[in-house]
Amino acid sequence: MNGTKLASTTAIATAVAFSAVALTTTAHAGDWTKIKGIKVEKVYGVAKAGKNDCAAKGHSCAGQSKVDNDPNEWIYLPKGVSDKIGGSLKPADAAPAAAM
């Protein structure tokens, strides 16, 4: 194999290898909330319409919220962010805790 052909073959093989790694990483990327060391919490009242993380009153799936900042819709955020952005850790329709 001459030098030019070897360089071309090497470049193509490298590009194919990087593409395969990128596709595999993207296709199998886990939910960011499961990354080791990141603690998350459900934050209510800050999700934009259609960007909620899971079921709430009136629907049973993520991405089905109808209005921005619905106090009963939630998203996962890193622990402590709720305090900074004015979210709540409980839905608006949550029953108050019984007094003991």
PDB file of N, CA and C in Angstrom:
ATOM      1  N   MET A   1       0.848  -1.167   0.000  1.00  0.00           N
ATOM      2  CA  MET A   1       0.000   0.000   0.000  1.00  0.00           C
ATOM      3  C   MET A   1       0.895   1.232   0.000  1.00  0.00           C
ATOM      4  N   ASN A   2       0.603   2.187  -0.898  1.00  0.00           N
ATOM      5  CA  ASN A   2       1.422   3.396  -0.889  1.00  0.00           C
ATOM      6  C   ASN A   2       0.951   4.339   0.210  1.00  0.00           C
ATOM      7  N   GLY A   3       1.713   5.365   0.467  1.00  0.00           N
ATOM      8  CA  GLY A   3       1.437   6.278   1.580  1.00  0.00           C
ATOM      9  C   GLY A   3       0.117   7.008   1.457  1.00  0.00           C
ATOM     10  N   THR A   4      -0.225   7.444   0.246  1.00  0.00           N
ATOM     11  CA  THR A   4      -1.470   8.191   0.048  1.00  0.00           C
ATOM     12  C   THR A   4      -2.685   7.311   0.290  1.00  0.00           C
ATOM     13  N   LYS A   5      -2.624   6.103  -0.245  1.00  0.00           N
ATOM     14  CA  LYS A   5      -3.753   5.182  -0.079  1.00  0.00           C
ATOM     15  C   LYS A   5      -3.908   4.795   1.398  1.00  0.00           C
ATOM     16  N   LEU A   6      -2.792   4.589   2.077  1.00  0.00           N
ATOM     17  CA  LEU A   6      -2.830   4.243   3.499  1.00  0.00           C
ATOM     18  C   LEU A   6      -3.445   5.384   4.316  1.00  0.00           C
ATOM     19  N   ALA A   7      -3.056   6.616   4.004  1.00  0.00           N
ATOM     20  CA  ALA A   7      -3.591   7.772   4.728  1.00  0.00           C
ATOM     21  C   ALA A   7      -5.095   7.904   4.491  1.00  0.00           C
ATOM     22  N   SER A   8      -5.535   7.705   3.263  1.00  0.00           N
ATOM     23  CA  SER A   8      -6.963   7.795   2.949  1.00  0.00           C
ATOM     24  C   SER A   8      -7.753   6.710   3.670  1.00  0.00           C
ATOM     25  N   THR A   9      -7.227   5.493   3.629  1.00  0.00           N
ATOM     26  CA  THR A   9      -7.894   4.372   4.280  1.00  0.00           C
ATOM     27  C   THR A   9      -7.980   4.604   5.789  1.00  0.00           C
ATOM     28  N   THR A  10      -6.911   5.101   6.370  1.00  0.00           N
ATOM     29  CA  THR A  10      -6.882   5.380   7.802  1.00  0.00           C
ATOM     30  C   THR A  10      -7.888   6.475   8.160  1.00  0.00           C
ATOM     31  N   ALA A  11      -7.960   7.519   7.343  1.00  0.00           N
ATOM     32  CA  ALA A  11      -8.885   8.615   7.599  1.00  0.00           C
ATOM     33  C   ALA A  11     -10.329   8.131   7.526  1.00  0.00           C
ATOM     34  N   ILE A  12     -10.636   7.326   6.539  1.00  0.00           N
ATOM     35  CA  ILE A  12     -12.000   6.804   6.391  1.00  0.00           C
ATOM     36  C   ILE A  12     -12.342   5.880   7.557  1.00  0.00           C
ATOM     37  N   ALA A  13     -11.432   5.013   7.926  1.00  0.00           N
ATOM     38  CA  ALA A  13     -11.674   4.091   9.044  1.00  0.00           C
ATOM     39  C   ALA A  13     -11.885   4.857  10.344  1.00  0.00           C
ATOM     40  N   THR A  14     -11.114   5.913  10.544  1.00  0.00           N
ATOM     41  CA  THR A  14     -11.254   6.728  11.749  1.00  0.00           C
ATOM     42  C   THR A  14     -12.614   7.420  11.771  1.00  0.00           C
ATOM     43  N   ALA A  15     -13.020   7.981  10.633  1.00  0.00           N
ATOM     44  CA  ALA A  15     -14.318   8.654  10.554  1.00  0.00           C
ATOM     45  C   ALA A  15     -15.463   7.683  10.832  1.00  0.00           C
ATOM     46  N   VAL A  16     -15.380   6.479  10.279  1.00  0.00           N
ATOM     47  CA  VAL A  16     -16.417   5.470  10.501  1.00  0.00           C
ATOM     48  C   VAL A  16     -16.453   5.073  11.973  1.00  0.00           C
ATOM     49  N   ALA A  17     -15.292   4.900  12.571  1.00  0.00           N
ATOM     50  CA  ALA A  17     -15.228   4.506  13.975  1.00  0.00           C
ATOM     51  C   ALA A  17     -15.831   5.583  14.873  1.00  0.00           C
ATOM     52  N   PHE A  18     -15.476   6.850  14.639  1.00  0.00           N
ATOM     53  CA  PHE A  18     -16.037   7.934  15.449  1.00  0.00           C
ATOM     54  C   PHE A  18     -17.538   8.049  15.250  1.00  0.00           C
ATOM     55  N   SER A  19     -18.014   7.859  14.043  1.00  0.00           N
ATOM     56  CA  SER A  19     -19.457   7.911  13.775  1.00  0.00           C
ATOM     57  C   SER A  19     -20.188   6.822  14.541  1.00  0.00           C
ATOM     58  N   ALA A  20     -19.626   5.624  14.537  1.00  0.00           N
ATOM     59  CA  ALA A  20     -20.247   4.502  15.241  1.00  0.00           C
ATOM     60  C   ALA A  20     -20.305   4.773  16.742  1.00  0.00           C
ATOM     61  N   VAL A  21     -19.237   5.322  17.292  1.00  0.00           N
ATOM     62  CA  VAL A  21     -19.208   5.636  18.717  1.00  0.00           C
ATOM     63  C   VAL A  21     -20.235   6.716  19.033  1.00  0.00           C
ATOM     64  N   ALA A  22     -20.323   7.738  18.197  1.00  0.00           N
ATOM     65  CA  ALA A  22     -21.282   8.818  18.427  1.00  0.00           C
ATOM     66  C   ALA A  22     -22.713   8.296  18.379  1.00  0.00           C
ATOM     67  N   LEU A  23     -23.028   7.449  17.426  1.00  0.00           N
ATOM     68  CA  LEU A  23     -24.375   6.890  17.331  1.00  0.00           C
ATOM     69  C   LEU A  23     -24.702   6.024  18.528  1.00  0.00           C
ATOM     70  N   THR A  24     -23.766   5.207  18.935  1.00  0.00           N
ATOM     71  CA  THR A  24     -23.980   4.332  20.082  1.00  0.00           C
ATOM     72  C   THR A  24     -24.187   5.145  21.350  1.00  0.00           C
ATOM     73  N   THR A  25     -23.379   6.181  21.541  1.00  0.00           N
ATOM     74  CA  THR A  25     -23.501   7.014  22.726  1.00  0.00           C
ATOM     75  C   THR A  25     -24.842   7.724  22.753  1.00  0.00           C
ATOM     76  N   THR A  26     -25.271   8.250  21.621  1.00  0.00           N
ATOM     77  CA  THR A  26     -26.541   8.945  21.554  1.00  0.00           C
ATOM     78  C   THR A  26     -27.710   7.986  21.744  1.00  0.00           C
ATOM     79  N   ALA A  27     -27.652   6.857  21.083  1.00  0.00           N
ATOM     80  CA  ALA A  27     -28.762   5.908  21.127  1.00  0.00           C
ATOM     81  C   ALA A  27     -28.943   5.295  22.514  1.00  0.00           C
ATOM     82  N   HIS A  28     -27.873   5.158  23.260  1.00  0.00           N
ATOM     83  CA  HIS A  28     -27.960   4.502  24.556  1.00  0.00           C
ATOM     84  C   HIS A  28     -27.702   5.447  25.720  1.00  0.00           C
ATOM     85  N   ALA A  29     -27.764   6.746  25.451  1.00  0.00           N
ATOM     86  CA  ALA A  29     -27.555   7.704  26.540  1.00  0.00           C
ATOM     87  C   ALA A  29     -28.694   7.563  27.531  1.00  0.00           C
ATOM     88  N   GLY A  30     -28.357   7.351  28.790  1.00  0.00           N
ATOM     89  CA  GLY A  30     -29.375   7.188  29.811  1.00  0.00           C
ATOM     90  C   GLY A  30     -29.991   8.518  30.189  1.00  0.00           C
ATOM     91  N   ASP A  31     -31.084   8.464  30.892  1.00  0.00           N
ATOM     92  CA  ASP A  31     -31.741   9.644  31.415  1.00  0.00           C
ATOM     93  C   ASP A  31     -30.755  10.376  32.315  1.00  0.00           C
ATOM     94  N   TRP A  32     -30.621  11.692  32.145  1.00  0.00           N
ATOM     95  CA  TRP A  32     -29.619  12.434  32.922  1.00  0.00           C
ATOM     96  C   TRP A  32     -29.882  12.356  34.417  1.00  0.00           C
ATOM     97  N   THR A  33     -31.101  12.059  34.799  1.00  0.00           N
ATOM     98  CA  THR A  33     -31.405  11.981  36.227  1.00  0.00           C
ATOM     99  C   THR A  33     -30.802  10.748  36.884  1.00  0.00           C
ATOM    100  N   LYS A  34     -30.306   9.814  36.096  1.00  0.00           N
ATOM    101  CA  LYS A  34     -29.719   8.602  36.656  1.00  0.00           C
ATOM    102  C   LYS A  34     -28.187   8.650  36.675  1.00  0.00           C
ATOM    103  N   ILE A  35     -27.614   9.794  36.336  1.00  0.00           N
ATOM    104  CA  ILE A  35     -26.162   9.922  36.361  1.00  0.00           C
ATOM    105  C   ILE A  35     -25.699   9.863  37.811  1.00  0.00           C
ATOM    106  N   LYS A  36     -24.726   9.028  38.057  1.00  0.00           N
ATOM    107  CA  LYS A  36     -24.240   8.835  39.415  1.00  0.00           C
ATOM    108  C   LYS A  36     -23.748  10.155  40.007  1.00  0.00           C
ATOM    109  N   GLY A  37     -24.210  10.444  41.192  1.00  0.00           N
ATOM    110  CA  GLY A  37     -23.760  11.629  41.901  1.00  0.00           C
ATOM    111  C   GLY A  37     -24.701  12.821  41.766  1.00  0.00           C
ATOM    112  N   ILE A  38     -25.628  12.795  40.817  1.00  0.00           N
ATOM    113  CA  ILE A  38     -26.577  13.895  40.674  1.00  0.00           C
ATOM    114  C   ILE A  38     -27.852  13.527  41.428  1.00  0.00           C
ATOM    115  N   LYS A  39     -28.173  14.315  42.415  1.00  0.00           N
ATOM    116  CA  LYS A  39     -29.414  14.103  43.166  1.00  0.00           C
ATOM    117  C   LYS A  39     -30.469  15.017  42.553  1.00  0.00           C
ATOM    118  N   VAL A  40     -31.645  14.454  42.313  1.00  0.00           N
ATOM    119  CA  VAL A  40     -32.711  15.224  41.685  1.00  0.00           C
ATOM    120  C   VAL A  40     -33.955  15.230  42.558  1.00  0.00           C
ATOM    121  N   GLU A  41     -34.849  16.158  42.259  1.00  0.00           N
ATOM    122  CA  GLU A  41     -36.123  16.217  42.948  1.00  0.00           C
ATOM    123  C   GLU A  41     -37.193  16.688  41.966  1.00  0.00           C
ATOM    124  N   LYS A  42     -38.432  16.318  42.263  1.00  0.00           N
ATOM    125  CA  LYS A  42     -39.556  16.775  41.451  1.00  0.00           C
ATOM    126  C   LYS A  42     -39.844  18.219  41.834  1.00  0.00           C
ATOM    127  N   VAL A  43     -39.886  19.088  40.834  1.00  0.00           N
ATOM    128  CA  VAL A  43     -40.179  20.495  41.087  1.00  0.00           C
ATOM    129  C   VAL A  43     -41.464  20.852  40.346  1.00  0.00           C
ATOM    130  N   TYR A  44     -42.449  21.299  41.102  1.00  0.00           N
ATOM    131  CA  TYR A  44     -43.764  21.639  40.567  1.00  0.00           C
ATOM    132  C   TYR A  44     -43.841  23.131  40.250  1.00  0.00           C
ATOM    133  N   GLY A  45     -44.634  23.454  39.240  1.00  0.00           N
ATOM    134  CA  GLY A  45     -44.943  24.845  38.935  1.00  0.00           C
ATOM    135  C   GLY A  45     -43.942  25.575  38.068  1.00  0.00           C
ATOM    136  N   VAL A  46     -42.991  24.884  37.475  1.00  0.00           N
ATOM    137  CA  VAL A  46     -41.997  25.567  36.641  1.00  0.00           C
ATOM    138  C   VAL A  46     -41.915  25.004  35.219  1.00  0.00           C
ATOM    139  N   ALA A  47     -42.627  23.934  34.952  1.00  0.00           N
ATOM    140  CA  ALA A  47     -42.560  23.302  33.625  1.00  0.00           C
ATOM    141  C   ALA A  47     -43.301  24.140  32.587  1.00  0.00           C
ATOM    142  N   LYS A  48     -42.719  24.238  31.403  1.00  0.00           N
ATOM    143  CA  LYS A  48     -43.383  24.903  30.283  1.00  0.00           C
ATOM    144  C   LYS A  48     -44.401  23.946  29.676  1.00  0.00           C
ATOM    145  N   ALA A  49     -45.377  24.479  28.969  1.00  0.00           N
ATOM    146  CA  ALA A  49     -46.407  23.661  28.317  1.00  0.00           C
ATOM    147  C   ALA A  49     -45.742  22.617  27.425  1.00  0.00           C
ATOM    148  N   GLY A  50     -46.146  21.362  27.599  1.00  0.00           N
ATOM    149  CA  GLY A  50     -45.608  20.268  26.798  1.00  0.00           C
ATOM    150  C   GLY A  50     -44.237  19.785  27.221  1.00  0.00           C
ATOM    151  N   LYS A  51     -43.701  20.281  28.319  1.00  0.00           N
ATOM    152  CA  LYS A  51     -42.353  19.904  28.764  1.00  0.00           C
ATOM    153  C   LYS A  51     -42.329  19.248  30.140  1.00  0.00           C
ATOM    154  N   ASN A  52     -43.485  18.826  30.641  1.00  0.00           N
ATOM    155  CA  ASN A  52     -43.521  18.159  31.942  1.00  0.00           C
ATOM    156  C   ASN A  52     -42.862  16.777  31.838  1.00  0.00           C
ATOM    157  N   ASP A  53     -42.419  16.242  32.962  1.00  0.00           N
ATOM    158  CA  ASP A  53     -41.711  14.965  32.952  1.00  0.00           C
ATOM    159  C   ASP A  53     -42.604  13.746  33.125  1.00  0.00           C
ATOM    160  N   CYS A  54     -43.780  13.881  33.674  1.00  0.00           N
ATOM    161  CA  CYS A  54     -44.606  12.693  33.847  1.00  0.00           C
ATOM    162  C   CYS A  54     -46.057  13.067  34.109  1.00  0.00           C
ATOM    163  N   ALA A  55     -46.840  12.064  34.442  1.00  0.00           N
ATOM    164  CA  ALA A  55     -48.280  12.230  34.625  1.00  0.00           C
ATOM    165  C   ALA A  55     -48.619  13.244  35.710  1.00  0.00           C
ATOM    166  N   ALA A  56     -49.758  13.861  35.524  1.00  0.00           N
ATOM    167  CA  ALA A  56     -50.314  14.769  36.522  1.00  0.00           C
ATOM    168  C   ALA A  56     -51.827  14.685  36.410  1.00  0.00           C
ATOM    169  N   LYS A  57     -52.510  15.475  37.175  1.00  0.00           N
ATOM    170  CA  LYS A  57     -53.969  15.464  37.132  1.00  0.00           C
ATOM    171  C   LYS A  57     -54.440  15.822  35.710  1.00  0.00           C
ATOM    172  N   GLY A  58     -55.260  14.963  35.127  1.00  0.00           N
ATOM    173  CA  GLY A  58     -55.819  15.254  33.816  1.00  0.00           C
ATOM    174  C   GLY A  58     -55.141  14.560  32.646  1.00  0.00           C
ATOM    175  N   HIS A  59     -53.978  13.962  32.852  1.00  0.00           N
ATOM    176  CA  HIS A  59     -53.304  13.211  31.788  1.00  0.00           C
ATOM    177  C   HIS A  59     -52.365  12.188  32.407  1.00  0.00           C
ATOM    178  N   SER A  60     -51.867  11.291  31.576  1.00  0.00           N
ATOM    179  CA  SER A  60     -51.078  10.192  32.127  1.00  0.00           C
ATOM    180  C   SER A  60     -49.685  10.064  31.535  1.00  0.00           C
ATOM    181  N   CYS A  61     -49.166  11.125  30.923  1.00  0.00           N
ATOM    182  CA  CYS A  61     -47.865  10.962  30.286  1.00  0.00           C
ATOM    183  C   CYS A  61     -47.068  12.267  30.264  1.00  0.00           C
ATOM    184  N   ALA A  62     -45.768  12.115  30.067  1.00  0.00           N
ATOM    185  CA  ALA A  62     -44.877  13.267  29.944  1.00  0.00           C
ATOM    186  C   ALA A  62     -45.198  14.041  28.679  1.00  0.00           C
ATOM    187  N   GLY A  63     -44.937  15.341  28.716  1.00  0.00           N
ATOM    188  CA  GLY A  63     -45.117  16.175  27.544  1.00  0.00           C
ATOM    189  C   GLY A  63     -46.552  16.537  27.234  1.00  0.00           C
ATOM    190  N   GLN A  64     -47.463  16.325  28.169  1.00  0.00           N
ATOM    191  CA  GLN A  64     -48.871  16.603  27.899  1.00  0.00           C
ATOM    192  C   GLN A  64     -49.435  17.785  28.679  1.00  0.00           C
ATOM    193  N   SER A  65     -48.587  18.528  29.357  1.00  0.00           N
ATOM    194  CA  SER A  65     -49.101  19.698  30.070  1.00  0.00           C
ATOM    195  C   SER A  65     -49.586  20.726  29.054  1.00  0.00           C
ATOM    196  N   LYS A  66     -50.609  21.475  29.415  1.00  0.00           N
ATOM    197  CA  LYS A  66     -51.260  22.405  28.483  1.00  0.00           C
ATOM    198  C   LYS A  66     -50.844  23.858  28.671  1.00  0.00           C
ATOM    199  N   VAL A  67     -50.395  24.228  29.866  1.00  0.00           N
ATOM    200  CA  VAL A  67     -50.043  25.622  30.137  1.00  0.00           C
ATOM    201  C   VAL A  67     -48.687  25.709  30.829  1.00  0.00           C
ATOM    202  N   ASP A  68     -48.045  26.851  30.694  1.00  0.00           N
ATOM    203  CA  ASP A  68     -46.781  27.090  31.383  1.00  0.00           C
ATOM    204  C   ASP A  68     -47.014  27.228  32.890  1.00  0.00           C
ATOM    205  N   ASN A  69     -46.074  26.735  33.657  1.00  0.00           N
ATOM    206  CA  ASN A  69     -46.027  26.912  35.112  1.00  0.00           C
ATOM    207  C   ASN A  69     -47.256  26.407  35.856  1.00  0.00           C
ATOM    208  N   ASP A  70     -47.869  25.350  35.353  1.00  0.00           N
ATOM    209  CA  ASP A  70     -49.007  24.741  36.044  1.00  0.00           C
ATOM    210  C   ASP A  70     -48.509  24.226  37.401  1.00  0.00           C
ATOM    211  N   PRO A  71     -49.139  24.623  38.496  1.00  0.00           N
ATOM    212  CA  PRO A  71     -48.648  24.221  39.819  1.00  0.00           C
ATOM    213  C   PRO A  71     -48.781  22.724  40.121  1.00  0.00           C
ATOM    214  N   ASN A  72     -49.441  21.973  39.246  1.00  0.00           N
ATOM    215  CA  ASN A  72     -49.562  20.531  39.452  1.00  0.00           C
ATOM    216  C   ASN A  72     -48.701  19.721  38.486  1.00  0.00           C
ATOM    217  N   GLU A  73     -47.989  20.379  37.581  1.00  0.00           N
ATOM    218  CA  GLU A  73     -47.077  19.707  36.653  1.00  0.00           C
ATOM    219  C   GLU A  73     -45.667  19.794  37.216  1.00  0.00           C
ATOM    220  N   TRP A  74     -44.867  18.766  36.952  1.00  0.00           N
ATOM    221  CA  TRP A  74     -43.518  18.764  37.513  1.00  0.00           C
ATOM    222  C   TRP A  74     -42.477  18.338  36.490  1.00  0.00           C
ATOM    223  N   ILE A  75     -41.238  18.709  36.800  1.00  0.00           N
ATOM    224  CA  ILE A  75     -40.067  18.267  36.041  1.00  0.00           C
ATOM    225  C   ILE A  75     -38.985  17.908  37.053  1.00  0.00           C
ATOM    226  N   TYR A  76     -38.090  17.012  36.652  1.00  0.00           N
ATOM    227  CA  TYR A  76     -36.933  16.706  37.495  1.00  0.00           C
ATOM    228  C   TYR A  76     -35.894  17.798  37.321  1.00  0.00           C
ATOM    229  N   LEU A  77     -35.372  18.273  38.430  1.00  0.00           N
ATOM    230  CA  LEU A  77     -34.286  19.240  38.416  1.00  0.00           C
ATOM    231  C   LEU A  77     -33.273  18.834  39.472  1.00  0.00           C
ATOM    232  N   PRO A  78     -32.023  19.266  39.316  1.00  0.00           N
ATOM    233  CA  PRO A  78     -31.029  18.958  40.348  1.00  0.00           C
ATOM    234  C   PRO A  78     -31.475  19.516  41.697  1.00  0.00           C
ATOM    235  N   LYS A  79     -31.169  18.774  42.737  1.00  0.00           N
ATOM    236  CA  LYS A  79     -31.566  19.140  44.095  1.00  0.00           C
ATOM    237  C   LYS A  79     -31.073  20.556  44.422  1.00  0.00           C
ATOM    238  N   GLY A  80     -31.955  21.370  44.973  1.00  0.00           N
ATOM    239  CA  GLY A  80     -31.609  22.730  45.374  1.00  0.00           C
ATOM    240  C   GLY A  80     -31.978  23.798  44.354  1.00  0.00           C
ATOM    241  N   VAL A  81     -32.242  23.409  43.121  1.00  0.00           N
ATOM    242  CA  VAL A  81     -32.579  24.392  42.090  1.00  0.00           C
ATOM    243  C   VAL A  81     -33.956  24.991  42.340  1.00  0.00           C
ATOM    244  N   SER A  82     -34.855  24.220  42.891  1.00  0.00           N
ATOM    245  CA  SER A  82     -36.223  24.693  43.141  1.00  0.00           C
ATOM    246  C   SER A  82     -36.224  25.996  43.935  1.00  0.00           C
ATOM    247  N   ASP A  83     -35.405  26.072  44.964  1.00  0.00           N
ATOM    248  CA  ASP A  83     -35.339  27.279  45.789  1.00  0.00           C
ATOM    249  C   ASP A  83     -34.907  28.492  44.977  1.00  0.00           C
ATOM    250  N   LYS A  84     -34.030  28.276  44.020  1.00  0.00           N
ATOM    251  CA  LYS A  84     -33.494  29.384  43.222  1.00  0.00           C
ATOM    252  C   LYS A  84     -34.468  29.900  42.171  1.00  0.00           C
ATOM    253  N   ILE A  85     -35.357  29.032  41.685  1.00  0.00           N
ATOM    254  CA  ILE A  85     -36.243  29.448  40.602  1.00  0.00           C
ATOM    255  C   ILE A  85     -37.702  29.602  41.024  1.00  0.00           C
ATOM    256  N   GLY A  86     -37.980  29.384  42.287  1.00  0.00           N
ATOM    257  CA  GLY A  86     -39.329  29.611  42.793  1.00  0.00           C
ATOM    258  C   GLY A  86     -40.301  28.468  42.563  1.00  0.00           C
ATOM    259  N   GLY A  87     -39.788  27.265  42.416  1.00  0.00           N
ATOM    260  CA  GLY A  87     -40.654  26.103  42.266  1.00  0.00           C
ATOM    261  C   GLY A  87     -41.090  25.569  43.613  1.00  0.00           C
ATOM    262  N   SER A  88     -41.922  24.558  43.581  1.00  0.00           N
ATOM    263  CA  SER A  88     -42.417  23.929  44.794  1.00  0.00           C
ATOM    264  C   SER A  88     -42.075  22.448  44.762  1.00  0.00           C
ATOM    265  N   LEU A  89     -41.875  21.857  45.906  1.00  0.00           N
ATOM    266  CA  LEU A  89     -41.598  20.425  45.981  1.00  0.00           C
ATOM    267  C   LEU A  89     -42.874  19.616  46.164  1.00  0.00           C
ATOM    268  N   LYS A  90     -44.032  20.294  46.204  1.00  0.00           N
ATOM    269  CA  LYS A  90     -45.324  19.624  46.324  1.00  0.00           C
ATOM    270  C   LYS A  90     -46.293  20.216  45.312  1.00  0.00           C
ATOM    271  N   PRO A  91     -47.186  19.398  44.776  1.00  0.00           N
ATOM    272  CA  PRO A  91     -48.179  19.953  43.854  1.00  0.00           C
ATOM    273  C   PRO A  91     -49.159  20.853  44.586  1.00  0.00           C
ATOM    274  N   ALA A  92     -49.795  21.736  43.860  1.00  0.00           N
ATOM    275  CA  ALA A  92     -50.735  22.686  44.467  1.00  0.00           C
ATOM    276  C   ALA A  92     -51.937  21.971  45.073  1.00  0.00           C
ATOM    277  N   ASP A  93     -52.331  20.840  44.484  1.00  0.00           N
ATOM    278  CA  ASP A  93     -53.524  20.147  45.009  1.00  0.00           C
ATOM    279  C   ASP A  93     -53.192  19.093  46.047  1.00  0.00           C
ATOM    280  N   ALA A  94     -51.972  19.093  46.564  1.00  0.00           N
ATOM    281  CA  ALA A  94     -51.599  18.116  47.593  1.00  0.00           C
ATOM    282  C   ALA A  94     -52.323  18.448  48.886  1.00  0.00           C
ATOM    283  N   ALA A  95     -52.841  17.429  49.507  1.00  0.00           N
ATOM    284  CA  ALA A  95     -53.542  17.607  50.780  1.00  0.00           C
ATOM    285  C   ALA A  95     -52.528  17.956  51.865  1.00  0.00           C
ATOM    286  N   PRO A  96     -52.875  18.877  52.766  1.00  0.00           N
ATOM    287  CA  PRO A  96     -51.953  19.210  53.851  1.00  0.00           C
ATOM    288  C   PRO A  96     -51.712  18.008  54.764  1.00  0.00           C
ATOM    289  N   ALA A  97     -50.534  17.928  55.310  1.00  0.00           N
ATOM    290  CA  ALA A  97     -50.191  16.817  56.208  1.00  0.00           C
ATOM    291  C   ALA A  97     -51.035  16.911  57.489  1.00  0.00           C
ATOM    292  N   ALA A  98     -51.450  15.752  57.999  1.00  0.00           N
ATOM    293  CA  ALA A  98     -52.255  15.701  59.224  1.00  0.00           C
ATOM    294  C   ALA A  98     -51.401  16.102  60.412  1.00  0.00           C
ATOM    295  N   ALA A  99     -51.960  16.879  61.293  1.00  0.00           N
ATOM    296  CA  ALA A  99     -51.251  17.296  62.498  1.00  0.00           C
ATOM    297  C   ALA A  99     -51.183  16.121  63.471  1.00  0.00           C
ATOM    298  N   MET A 100     -50.045  16.013  64.130  1.00  0.00           N
ATOM    299  CA  MET A 100     -49.868  14.926  65.106  1.00  0.00           C
ATOM    300  C   MET A 100     -49.839  15.476  66.482  1.00  0.00           C
TER     301      MET A 100
END
